[in-house]
N, C-alpha and C. Protein backbone atom coordinates (compact mmCIF):
# COMPACT_ATOMS: atom_id res chain seq x y z
N MET A 1 15.37 193.75 125.29
CA MET A 1 15.61 195.09 125.81
C MET A 1 15.92 196.01 124.59
N ASN A 2 15.39 197.23 124.64
CA ASN A 2 15.69 198.12 123.53
C ASN A 2 17.04 198.80 123.72
N GLN A 3 17.55 199.39 122.61
CA GLN A 3 18.91 199.90 122.61
C GLN A 3 19.12 201.06 123.61
N LYS A 4 18.07 201.93 123.67
CA LYS A 4 18.19 203.07 124.66
C LYS A 4 18.34 202.57 126.09
N LEU A 5 17.55 201.60 126.46
CA LEU A 5 17.54 201.04 127.82
C LEU A 5 18.87 200.41 128.14
N VAL A 6 19.47 199.68 127.15
CA VAL A 6 20.75 199.08 127.34
C VAL A 6 21.84 200.13 127.56
N ILE A 7 21.79 201.23 126.78
CA ILE A 7 22.80 202.30 126.92
C ILE A 7 22.64 202.99 128.28
N GLU A 8 21.37 203.27 128.67
CA GLU A 8 21.17 203.86 129.99
C GLU A 8 21.65 202.95 131.15
N SER A 9 21.41 201.63 130.99
CA SER A 9 21.85 200.69 132.02
C SER A 9 23.34 200.66 132.05
N LEU A 10 24.03 200.67 130.87
CA LEU A 10 25.45 200.69 130.85
C LEU A 10 26.03 201.97 131.52
N ALA A 11 25.41 203.13 131.34
CA ALA A 11 25.83 204.39 131.95
C ALA A 11 25.75 204.22 133.45
N MET A 12 24.67 203.62 133.96
CA MET A 12 24.55 203.50 135.41
C MET A 12 25.56 202.48 135.96
N ASP A 13 25.76 201.41 135.24
CA ASP A 13 26.82 200.43 135.69
C ASP A 13 28.19 201.05 135.73
N LEU A 14 28.56 201.90 134.74
CA LEU A 14 29.85 202.56 134.70
C LEU A 14 29.91 203.52 135.87
N LYS A 15 28.86 204.22 136.15
CA LYS A 15 28.90 205.17 137.30
C LYS A 15 29.16 204.39 138.61
N ARG A 16 28.51 203.29 138.77
CA ARG A 16 28.75 202.46 140.02
C ARG A 16 30.15 201.92 140.01
N VAL A 17 30.73 201.56 138.89
CA VAL A 17 32.14 201.15 138.95
C VAL A 17 33.01 202.27 139.39
N ALA A 18 32.80 203.52 138.82
CA ALA A 18 33.61 204.69 139.18
C ALA A 18 33.42 204.95 140.71
N LEU A 19 32.24 204.91 141.20
CA LEU A 19 32.02 205.17 142.69
C LEU A 19 32.74 204.11 143.48
N GLY A 20 32.63 202.85 143.09
CA GLY A 20 33.27 201.81 143.82
C GLY A 20 34.79 201.99 143.86
N LEU A 21 35.38 202.30 142.71
CA LEU A 21 36.83 202.53 142.72
C LEU A 21 37.21 203.76 143.54
N HIS A 22 36.43 204.79 143.45
CA HIS A 22 36.70 206.04 144.17
C HIS A 22 36.65 205.74 145.68
N ARG A 23 35.73 204.95 146.12
CA ARG A 23 35.58 204.66 147.54
C ARG A 23 36.50 203.58 148.07
N GLY A 24 37.15 202.94 147.10
CA GLY A 24 38.11 201.82 147.52
C GLY A 24 37.37 200.51 147.62
N SER A 25 36.11 200.41 147.21
CA SER A 25 35.36 199.22 147.30
C SER A 25 35.55 198.38 145.97
N HIS A 26 36.57 197.67 145.95
CA HIS A 26 36.99 196.97 144.75
C HIS A 26 35.99 195.83 144.42
N SER A 27 35.38 195.20 145.37
CA SER A 27 34.38 194.12 145.14
C SER A 27 33.21 194.72 144.46
N MET A 28 32.74 195.92 144.89
CA MET A 28 31.60 196.56 144.26
C MET A 28 31.96 196.96 142.79
N ALA A 29 33.17 197.53 142.63
CA ALA A 29 33.63 197.99 141.33
C ALA A 29 33.69 196.78 140.37
N ASN A 30 34.23 195.63 140.84
CA ASN A 30 34.33 194.46 140.01
C ASN A 30 32.98 193.90 139.63
N ARG A 31 32.04 193.90 140.55
CA ARG A 31 30.72 193.39 140.25
C ARG A 31 30.03 194.19 139.15
N PHE A 32 30.07 195.48 139.22
CA PHE A 32 29.44 196.36 138.25
C PHE A 32 30.28 196.44 136.93
N LYS A 33 31.61 196.13 137.06
CA LYS A 33 32.40 196.09 135.84
C LYS A 33 31.95 194.88 134.96
N GLU A 34 31.68 193.76 135.61
CA GLU A 34 31.13 192.57 134.89
C GLU A 34 29.78 192.94 134.30
N GLU A 35 28.86 193.65 135.01
CA GLU A 35 27.61 194.03 134.45
C GLU A 35 27.83 195.00 133.24
N ALA A 36 28.72 195.91 133.36
CA ALA A 36 28.98 196.84 132.21
C ALA A 36 29.46 196.07 131.03
N LEU A 37 30.36 195.07 131.20
CA LEU A 37 30.84 194.31 130.07
C LEU A 37 29.76 193.47 129.46
N LYS A 38 28.80 193.00 130.28
CA LYS A 38 27.63 192.32 129.70
C LYS A 38 26.76 193.22 128.81
N ARG A 39 26.54 194.46 129.32
CA ARG A 39 25.79 195.43 128.57
C ARG A 39 26.47 195.77 127.30
N GLU A 40 27.80 195.89 127.30
CA GLU A 40 28.53 196.13 126.08
C GLU A 40 28.33 195.07 125.07
N SER A 41 28.38 193.83 125.50
CA SER A 41 28.21 192.67 124.58
C SER A 41 26.75 192.66 124.06
N GLU A 42 25.76 193.08 124.86
CA GLU A 42 24.36 193.19 124.34
C GLU A 42 24.30 194.28 123.27
N LEU A 43 25.04 195.34 123.42
CA LEU A 43 24.95 196.44 122.40
C LEU A 43 25.60 195.99 121.07
N GLU A 44 26.46 195.06 121.10
CA GLU A 44 27.11 194.55 119.85
C GLU A 44 26.07 193.92 118.93
N ASN A 45 24.94 193.54 119.44
CA ASN A 45 23.84 192.96 118.58
C ASN A 45 23.09 193.98 117.87
N TYR A 46 23.31 195.26 118.18
CA TYR A 46 22.55 196.35 117.50
C TYR A 46 23.37 196.99 116.45
N GLN A 47 22.68 197.68 115.52
CA GLN A 47 23.36 198.48 114.49
C GLN A 47 23.80 199.83 115.23
N LEU A 48 25.06 200.04 115.28
CA LEU A 48 25.57 201.21 116.04
C LEU A 48 26.33 202.19 115.09
N ASP A 49 26.19 203.46 115.40
CA ASP A 49 27.02 204.45 114.59
C ASP A 49 28.45 204.42 115.17
N SER A 50 29.30 205.06 114.33
CA SER A 50 30.74 204.99 114.65
C SER A 50 31.06 205.65 115.94
N TYR A 51 30.37 206.70 116.34
CA TYR A 51 30.64 207.39 117.67
C TYR A 51 30.39 206.38 118.76
N LEU A 52 29.31 205.72 118.72
CA LEU A 52 28.93 204.76 119.82
C LEU A 52 29.90 203.54 119.83
N ARG A 53 30.24 203.10 118.67
CA ARG A 53 31.26 201.98 118.60
C ARG A 53 32.55 202.39 119.18
N ASN A 54 33.04 203.61 118.91
CA ASN A 54 34.24 204.13 119.42
C ASN A 54 34.20 204.28 120.96
N LEU A 55 33.05 204.75 121.47
CA LEU A 55 32.89 204.85 122.94
C LEU A 55 32.98 203.52 123.59
N LEU A 56 32.28 202.51 122.97
CA LEU A 56 32.30 201.16 123.53
C LEU A 56 33.73 200.59 123.58
N LYS A 57 34.47 200.80 122.52
CA LYS A 57 35.87 200.32 122.41
C LYS A 57 36.74 200.96 123.52
N LYS A 58 36.59 202.27 123.69
CA LYS A 58 37.44 202.95 124.66
C LYS A 58 37.00 202.62 126.12
N THR A 59 35.73 202.35 126.30
CA THR A 59 35.20 202.04 127.61
C THR A 59 35.69 200.65 127.98
N LYS A 60 35.68 199.71 127.06
CA LYS A 60 36.17 198.39 127.38
C LYS A 60 37.67 198.45 127.73
N GLU A 61 38.46 199.20 127.00
CA GLU A 61 39.84 199.38 127.24
C GLU A 61 40.11 199.85 128.68
N ILE A 62 39.34 200.87 129.12
CA ILE A 62 39.61 201.45 130.38
C ILE A 62 39.09 200.54 131.49
N LEU A 63 38.03 199.79 131.29
CA LEU A 63 37.51 198.88 132.24
C LEU A 63 38.49 197.72 132.51
N LEU A 64 39.15 197.32 131.47
CA LEU A 64 40.12 196.21 131.63
C LEU A 64 41.47 196.63 132.03
N SER A 65 41.79 197.94 132.04
CA SER A 65 43.12 198.38 132.36
C SER A 65 43.30 198.38 133.91
N LYS A 66 44.52 198.60 134.33
CA LYS A 66 44.85 198.54 135.74
C LYS A 66 45.30 199.97 136.19
N LYS A 67 45.03 200.95 135.47
CA LYS A 67 45.46 202.34 135.81
C LYS A 67 44.82 202.72 137.22
N ASP A 68 45.62 203.41 137.99
CA ASP A 68 45.16 203.82 139.33
C ASP A 68 44.05 204.90 139.23
N ASN A 69 44.17 205.82 138.27
CA ASN A 69 43.21 206.94 138.18
C ASN A 69 42.13 206.70 137.16
N ARG A 70 41.70 205.47 136.98
CA ARG A 70 40.75 205.20 135.93
C ARG A 70 39.26 205.52 136.36
N ALA A 71 39.04 205.75 137.66
CA ALA A 71 37.69 206.05 138.10
C ALA A 71 37.13 207.32 137.37
N GLU A 72 38.04 208.29 137.21
CA GLU A 72 37.56 209.52 136.57
C GLU A 72 37.19 209.28 135.09
N ASP A 73 38.01 208.43 134.42
CA ASP A 73 37.72 208.14 132.98
C ASP A 73 36.44 207.35 132.89
N ILE A 74 36.22 206.41 133.77
CA ILE A 74 34.97 205.61 133.73
C ILE A 74 33.77 206.45 133.96
N LEU A 75 33.92 207.42 134.93
CA LEU A 75 32.76 208.33 135.17
C LEU A 75 32.51 209.18 133.90
N MET A 76 33.56 209.63 133.25
CA MET A 76 33.35 210.42 132.04
C MET A 76 32.62 209.68 130.95
N TYR A 77 33.01 208.39 130.77
CA TYR A 77 32.27 207.54 129.75
C TYR A 77 30.84 207.26 130.21
N SER A 78 30.62 207.18 131.47
CA SER A 78 29.24 207.04 131.97
C SER A 78 28.42 208.22 131.54
N ILE A 79 28.95 209.40 131.71
CA ILE A 79 28.24 210.58 131.34
C ILE A 79 28.05 210.72 129.81
N LEU A 80 29.08 210.32 129.06
CA LEU A 80 28.96 210.34 127.57
C LEU A 80 27.83 209.42 127.14
N PHE A 81 27.71 208.22 127.73
CA PHE A 81 26.63 207.28 127.34
C PHE A 81 25.27 207.82 127.72
N GLN A 82 25.25 208.42 128.92
CA GLN A 82 23.95 208.96 129.38
C GLN A 82 23.45 210.11 128.50
N ASN A 83 24.41 210.98 128.13
CA ASN A 83 24.08 212.08 127.25
C ASN A 83 23.62 211.60 125.82
N PHE A 84 24.34 210.56 125.34
CA PHE A 84 23.95 209.95 124.08
C PHE A 84 22.53 209.47 124.11
N ALA A 85 22.21 208.72 125.15
CA ALA A 85 20.85 208.17 125.25
C ALA A 85 19.79 209.28 125.34
N LEU A 86 20.13 210.30 126.07
CA LEU A 86 19.18 211.43 126.22
C LEU A 86 18.98 212.27 124.95
N LYS A 87 20.09 212.52 124.30
CA LYS A 87 20.06 213.50 123.14
C LYS A 87 19.74 212.78 121.82
N LYS A 88 20.36 211.65 121.54
CA LYS A 88 20.26 211.05 120.25
C LYS A 88 19.16 210.01 120.13
N MET A 89 18.61 209.52 121.26
CA MET A 89 17.66 208.40 121.15
C MET A 89 16.30 208.84 121.75
N GLN A 90 15.60 209.72 121.11
CA GLN A 90 14.35 210.18 121.62
C GLN A 90 13.17 209.36 121.22
């Protein structure tokens, strides 16, 4: 899989996690959390700039945290990854 596709897939997985948490569907959120963590590990095989590495680190932290209001943060990271794929990887 190419890097852009992995980043776009990660963005969608994060969006699904956020939606699941917001709806109270923790089984859905957990399923897509596992998918997002897999995508992050796939990205570690690529040469990444510091911005993307920092986003991955912060995303992993929020995914593994137990904060009640993390759905909004996860949605924000989803959008940041989506924008990165659209703007920086043409």
